[in-house]
Amino acid sequence: MKQHIKVCTLLTSLFISQWVVALPDDTSKPLNIQSNQAHFDQKTGEAVYTGDVFVKQGTIEIQAQYLKVITNPKTRKFTELIATGHPAKFSQQIDWQGNMMISRGNKVVYKTAQSKVEIFGDGYLNRMDDKITADHIVYYINNGTFSAEKEGSGRVSMTLQPQTEKQQESSQKKEN
């Protein structure tokens, strides 16, 4: 039996929206990649890196065994990074206070234009002590919303931390 559980983004935004500020200059930084092997095709704009891959772009870090980087050949902008491994890892500093978003899964797809991270297979996401475990997680970095689903038997697991009084006051000031 296939069981799908969708997590409402409204619930998430109630708990974590006051913290959402991805660092805006990460994607304007150079993409530094280290690996055991690399192949780049200028016509298609695709690069493939294999073996102990490590990526750094601003505060973004990716670790994997395989990485495919898709670049628009005309603009030379990175559009998609597809990382696989056991696990593949993606992390990013999400605010100026140093808070991090840390994720891992069998496959992690980062779509730069949408500021979207998709995690497939044994997915895990930790953001400011809020934790999600599911087979498939879609996380939008810029607004902190996500959806998660578990396939087959089992359930999505979430741990959401309550707001502190200071965070509630800050959230109320933003609403007024």
C-alpha atoms as a PDB file:
ATOM      1  CA  MET A   1       0.000   0.000   0.000  1.00  0.00           C
ATOM      2  CA  LYS A   2       1.329   3.366  -0.987  1.00  0.00           C
ATOM      3  CA  GLN A   3       0.792   5.996   1.624  1.00  0.00           C
ATOM      4  CA  HIS A   4       1.241   9.669   0.836  1.00  0.00           C
ATOM      5  CA  ILE A   5       1.300  12.299   3.489  1.00  0.00           C
ATOM      6  CA  LYS A   6       1.503  15.950   2.466  1.00  0.00           C
ATOM      7  CA  VAL A   7       2.590  18.510   5.012  1.00  0.00           C
ATOM      8  CA  CYS A   8       0.748  21.792   4.831  1.00  0.00           C
ATOM      9  CA  THR A   9       3.013  24.752   4.096  1.00  0.00           C
ATOM     10  CA  LEU A  10       0.765  26.969   6.199  1.00  0.00           C
ATOM     11  CA  LEU A  11       1.657  24.976   9.307  1.00  0.00           C
ATOM     12  CA  THR A  12       5.318  25.374   8.532  1.00  0.00           C
ATOM     13  CA  SER A  13       5.106  29.079   7.880  1.00  0.00           C
ATOM     14  CA  LEU A  14       3.405  29.605  11.244  1.00  0.00           C
ATOM     15  CA  PHE A  15       6.356  28.006  13.017  1.00  0.00           C
ATOM     16  CA  ILE A  16       9.334  29.203  11.015  1.00  0.00           C
ATOM     17  CA  SER A  17       8.437  32.161   8.770  1.00  0.00           C
ATOM     18  CA  GLN A  18       9.945  34.737  11.095  1.00  0.00           C
ATOM     19  CA  TRP A  19      13.428  33.262  10.503  1.00  0.00           C
ATOM     20  CA  VAL A  20      13.395  33.135   6.738  1.00  0.00           C
ATOM     21  CA  VAL A  21      16.227  35.078   5.164  1.00  0.00           C
ATOM     22  CA  ALA A  22      18.474  33.083   2.833  1.00  0.00           C
ATOM     23  CA  LEU A  23      21.693  34.941   2.259  1.00  0.00           C
ATOM     24  CA  PRO A  24      21.159  36.785  -1.011  1.00  0.00           C
ATOM     25  CA  ASP A  25      24.750  36.794  -2.239  1.00  0.00           C
ATOM     26  CA  ASP A  26      25.379  33.019  -2.173  1.00  0.00           C
ATOM     27  CA  THR A  27      24.316  32.452  -5.778  1.00  0.00           C
ATOM     28  CA  SER A  28      26.427  35.372  -7.029  1.00  0.00           C
ATOM     29  CA  LYS A  29      29.592  33.751  -5.647  1.00  0.00           C
ATOM     30  CA  PRO A  30      31.799  31.468  -7.755  1.00  0.00           C
ATOM     31  CA  LEU A  31      31.004  27.756  -7.753  1.00  0.00           C
ATOM     32  CA  ASN A  32      34.096  25.913  -6.479  1.00  0.00           C
ATOM     33  CA  ILE A  33      34.095  22.147  -7.101  1.00  0.00           C
ATOM     34  CA  GLN A  34      36.578  19.480  -6.097  1.00  0.00           C
ATOM     35  CA  SER A  35      36.323  15.844  -7.208  1.00  0.00           C
ATOM     36  CA  ASN A  36      38.353  12.846  -8.336  1.00  0.00           C
ATOM     37  CA  GLN A  37      37.178  13.182 -11.963  1.00  0.00           C
ATOM     38  CA  ALA A  38      35.458  15.874 -14.034  1.00  0.00           C
ATOM     39  CA  HIS A  39      33.939  16.191 -17.518  1.00  0.00           C
ATOM     40  CA  PHE A  40      32.496  19.372 -19.063  1.00  0.00           C
ATOM     41  CA  ASP A  41      30.601  19.779 -22.354  1.00  0.00           C
ATOM     42  CA  GLN A  42      30.524  23.448 -23.387  1.00  0.00           C
ATOM     43  CA  LYS A  43      27.843  22.924 -26.045  1.00  0.00           C
ATOM     44  CA  THR A  44      25.279  21.505 -23.620  1.00  0.00           C
ATOM     45  CA  GLY A  45      26.504  23.371 -20.535  1.00  0.00           C
ATOM     46  CA  GLU A  46      26.626  20.148 -18.528  1.00  0.00           C
ATOM     47  CA  ALA A  47      29.445  19.114 -16.239  1.00  0.00           C
ATOM     48  CA  VAL A  48      29.767  15.794 -14.413  1.00  0.00           C
ATOM     49  CA  TYR A  49      31.961  15.279 -11.365  1.00  0.00           C
ATOM     50  CA  THR A  50      32.579  11.907  -9.711  1.00  0.00           C
ATOM     51  CA  GLY A  51      34.334  10.652  -6.604  1.00  0.00           C
ATOM     52  CA  ASP A  52      34.403  12.542  -3.299  1.00  0.00           C
ATOM     53  CA  VAL A  53      32.715  15.629  -4.742  1.00  0.00           C
ATOM     54  CA  PHE A  54      32.788  18.791  -2.628  1.00  0.00           C
ATOM     55  CA  VAL A  55      31.067  22.011  -3.717  1.00  0.00           C
ATOM     56  CA  LYS A  56      31.268  25.440  -2.113  1.00  0.00           C
ATOM     57  CA  GLN A  57      29.371  28.530  -3.267  1.00  0.00           C
ATOM     58  CA  GLY A  58      29.209  31.243  -0.620  1.00  0.00           C
ATOM     59  CA  THR A  59      27.724  29.478   2.411  1.00  0.00           C
ATOM     60  CA  ILE A  60      26.261  26.651   0.283  1.00  0.00           C
ATOM     61  CA  GLU A  61      28.076  23.313   0.577  1.00  0.00           C
ATOM     62  CA  ILE A  62      27.345  20.048  -1.228  1.00  0.00           C
ATOM     63  CA  GLN A  63      29.006  16.677  -0.631  1.00  0.00           C
ATOM     64  CA  ALA A  64      28.325  13.699  -2.895  1.00  0.00           C
ATOM     65  CA  GLN A  65      29.819  10.853  -4.875  1.00  0.00           C
ATOM     66  CA  TYR A  66      28.335  12.146  -8.157  1.00  0.00           C
ATOM     67  CA  LEU A  67      27.378  15.672  -9.189  1.00  0.00           C
ATOM     68  CA  LYS A  68      25.861  16.938 -12.417  1.00  0.00           C
ATOM     69  CA  VAL A  69      25.897  20.710 -12.942  1.00  0.00           C
ATOM     70  CA  ILE A  70      23.570  22.089 -15.586  1.00  0.00           C
ATOM     71  CA  THR A  71      24.453  25.530 -16.907  1.00  0.00           C
ATOM     72  CA  ASN A  72      22.625  27.703 -19.401  1.00  0.00           C
ATOM     73  CA  PRO A  73      25.195  27.825 -22.260  1.00  0.00           C
ATOM     74  CA  LYS A  74      24.096  31.330 -23.317  1.00  0.00           C
ATOM     75  CA  THR A  75      24.052  33.033 -19.911  1.00  0.00           C
ATOM     76  CA  ARG A  76      26.637  30.720 -18.285  1.00  0.00           C
ATOM     77  CA  LYS A  77      24.490  30.691 -15.141  1.00  0.00           C
ATOM     78  CA  PHE A  78      24.114  27.532 -13.081  1.00  0.00           C
ATOM     79  CA  THR A  79      20.501  26.363 -13.223  1.00  0.00           C
ATOM     80  CA  GLU A  80      20.537  22.966 -11.526  1.00  0.00           C
ATOM     81  CA  LEU A  81      22.877  20.852  -9.425  1.00  0.00           C
ATOM     82  CA  ILE A  82      22.033  17.150  -9.051  1.00  0.00           C
ATOM     83  CA  ALA A  83      23.971  15.313  -6.340  1.00  0.00           C
ATOM     84  CA  THR A  84      23.804  11.615  -5.513  1.00  0.00           C
ATOM     85  CA  GLY A  85      25.492   9.541  -2.835  1.00  0.00           C
ATOM     86  CA  HIS A  86      24.818   7.568   0.285  1.00  0.00           C
ATOM     87  CA  PRO A  87      24.060  10.161   1.407  1.00  0.00           C
ATOM     88  CA  ALA A  88      24.379  13.290  -0.706  1.00  0.00           C
ATOM     89  CA  LYS A  89      24.425  16.386   1.526  1.00  0.00           C
ATOM     90  CA  PHE A  90      23.362  20.009   1.004  1.00  0.00           C
ATOM     91  CA  SER A  91      23.720  22.804   3.553  1.00  0.00           C
ATOM     92  CA  GLN A  92      23.375  26.573   3.566  1.00  0.00           C
ATOM     93  CA  GLN A  93      23.544  29.367   6.104  1.00  0.00           C
ATOM     94  CA  ILE A  94      20.024  30.819   6.141  1.00  0.00           C
ATOM     95  CA  ASP A  95      20.472  34.057   8.068  1.00  0.00           C
ATOM     96  CA  TRP A  96      23.056  36.537   9.310  1.00  0.00           C
ATOM     97  CA  GLN A  97      23.001  34.946  12.804  1.00  0.00           C
ATOM     98  CA  GLY A  98      24.701  31.834  11.407  1.00  0.00           C
ATOM     99  CA  ASN A  99      21.701  29.478  11.491  1.00  0.00           C
ATOM    100  CA  MET A 100      22.006  26.601   9.032  1.00  0.00           C
ATOM    101  CA  MET A 101      19.754  24.433   6.892  1.00  0.00           C
ATOM    102  CA  ILE A 102      21.248  20.942   6.658  1.00  0.00           C
ATOM    103  CA  SER A 103      19.820  18.203   4.456  1.00  0.00           C
ATOM    104  CA  ARG A 104      20.735  14.796   3.140  1.00  0.00           C
ATOM    105  CA  GLY A 105      19.282  12.039   1.005  1.00  0.00           C
ATOM    106  CA  ASN A 106      20.177   9.548  -1.699  1.00  0.00           C
ATOM    107  CA  LYS A 107      19.643  12.305  -4.265  1.00  0.00           C
ATOM    108  CA  VAL A 108      19.582  16.073  -3.740  1.00  0.00           C
ATOM    109  CA  VAL A 109      18.505  18.423  -6.529  1.00  0.00           C
ATOM    110  CA  TYR A 110      19.166  22.150  -6.121  1.00  0.00           C
ATOM    111  CA  LYS A 111      17.341  24.418  -8.592  1.00  0.00           C
ATOM    112  CA  THR A 112      19.034  27.792  -8.326  1.00  0.00           C
ATOM    113  CA  ALA A 113      16.432  30.030 -10.010  1.00  0.00           C
ATOM    114  CA  GLN A 114      13.684  28.728  -7.731  1.00  0.00           C
ATOM    115  CA  SER A 115      15.895  28.500  -4.609  1.00  0.00           C
ATOM    116  CA  LYS A 116      14.458  25.009  -4.291  1.00  0.00           C
ATOM    117  CA  VAL A 117      16.013  21.872  -2.813  1.00  0.00           C
ATOM    118  CA  GLU A 118      14.452  18.463  -3.482  1.00  0.00           C
ATOM    119  CA  ILE A 119      15.579  15.485  -1.441  1.00  0.00           C
ATOM    120  CA  PHE A 120      14.841  11.936  -2.603  1.00  0.00           C
ATOM    121  CA  GLY A 121      15.264   8.654  -0.693  1.00  0.00           C
ATOM    122  CA  ASP A 122      15.997   8.593   3.046  1.00  0.00           C
ATOM    123  CA  GLY A 123      15.416  12.342   3.116  1.00  0.00           C
ATOM    124  CA  TYR A 124      16.298  14.445   6.138  1.00  0.00           C
ATOM    125  CA  LEU A 125      16.125  18.204   6.627  1.00  0.00           C
ATOM    126  CA  ASN A 126      17.131  20.166   9.731  1.00  0.00           C
ATOM    127  CA  ARG A 127      16.450  23.877   9.908  1.00  0.00           C
ATOM    128  CA  MET A 128      16.977  25.700  13.208  1.00  0.00           C
ATOM    129  CA  ASP A 129      16.191  22.506  15.180  1.00  0.00           C
ATOM    130  CA  ASP A 130      13.036  21.844  13.149  1.00  0.00           C
ATOM    131  CA  LYS A 131      13.507  18.360  11.655  1.00  0.00           C
ATOM    132  CA  ILE A 132      11.786  16.471   8.853  1.00  0.00           C
ATOM    133  CA  THR A 133      12.315  12.865   7.764  1.00  0.00           C
ATOM    134  CA  ALA A 134      10.573  11.545   4.635  1.00  0.00           C
ATOM    135  CA  ASP A 135      11.161   9.761   1.333  1.00  0.00           C
ATOM    136  CA  HIS A 136      10.685  12.988  -0.651  1.00  0.00           C
ATOM    137  CA  ILE A 137      11.101  16.525   0.678  1.00  0.00           C
ATOM    138  CA  VAL A 138      10.708  19.736  -1.322  1.00  0.00           C
ATOM    139  CA  TYR A 139      12.099  22.808   0.449  1.00  0.00           C
ATOM    140  CA  TYR A 140      11.953  26.419  -0.772  1.00  0.00           C
ATOM    141  CA  ILE A 141      14.917  28.251   0.736  1.00  0.00           C
ATOM    142  CA  ASN A 142      13.646  31.815   0.277  1.00  0.00           C
ATOM    143  CA  ASN A 143      10.376  31.422   2.163  1.00  0.00           C
ATOM    144  CA  GLY A 144      11.039  28.368   4.353  1.00  0.00           C
ATOM    145  CA  THR A 145       8.071  26.349   3.100  1.00  0.00           C
ATOM    146  CA  PHE A 146       8.236  22.641   2.412  1.00  0.00           C
ATOM    147  CA  SER A 147       6.234  19.583   1.546  1.00  0.00           C
ATOM    148  CA  ALA A 148       7.117  16.028   2.502  1.00  0.00           C
ATOM    149  CA  GLU A 149       5.775  12.601   1.673  1.00  0.00           C
ATOM    150  CA  LYS A 150       6.478   9.030   2.638  1.00  0.00           C
ATOM    151  CA  GLU A 151       5.939   6.269   0.125  1.00  0.00           C
ATOM    152  CA  GLY A 152       5.044   2.725   1.106  1.00  0.00           C
ATOM    153  CA  SER A 153       4.659   1.952   4.770  1.00  0.00           C
ATOM    154  CA  GLY A 154       5.668   4.462   7.374  1.00  0.00           C
ATOM    155  CA  ARG A 155       4.976   8.089   7.972  1.00  0.00           C
ATOM    156  CA  VAL A 156       6.531  11.507   7.602  1.00  0.00           C
ATOM    157  CA  SER A 157       8.252  12.468  10.822  1.00  0.00           C
ATOM    158  CA  MET A 158       8.521  16.113  11.923  1.00  0.00           C
ATOM    159  CA  THR A 159       9.780  17.881  15.020  1.00  0.00           C
ATOM    160  CA  LEU A 160       8.877  21.581  15.102  1.00  0.00           C
ATOM    161  CA  GLN A 161      10.221  23.784  17.867  1.00  0.00           C
ATOM    162  CA  PRO A 162       7.853  26.297  19.510  1.00  0.00           C
ATOM    163  CA  GLN A 163       8.527  29.990  19.121  1.00  0.00           C
ATOM    164  CA  THR A 164      10.165  31.792  21.996  1.00  0.00           C
ATOM    165  CA  GLU A 165       8.413  34.871  23.406  1.00  0.00           C
ATOM    166  CA  LYS A 166      10.942  37.111  21.653  1.00  0.00           C
ATOM    167  CA  GLN A 167      10.243  35.405  18.299  1.00  0.00           C
ATOM    168  CA  GLN A 168       6.468  35.746  18.829  1.00  0.00           C
ATOM    169  CA  GLU A 169       6.837  39.486  19.567  1.00  0.00           C
ATOM    170  CA  SER A 170       8.985  39.936  16.453  1.00  0.00           C
ATOM    171  CA  SER A 171       6.431  38.023  14.366  1.00  0.00           C
ATOM    172  CA  GLN A 172       3.564  40.165  15.704  1.00  0.00           C
ATOM    173  CA  LYS A 173       5.444  43.392  14.897  1.00  0.00           C
ATOM    174  CA  LYS A 174       5.900  42.204  11.293  1.00  0.00           C
ATOM    175  CA  GLU A 175       2.152  41.547  10.990  1.00  0.00           C
ATOM    176  CA  ASN A 176       1.234  45.077  12.151  1.00  0.00           C
END
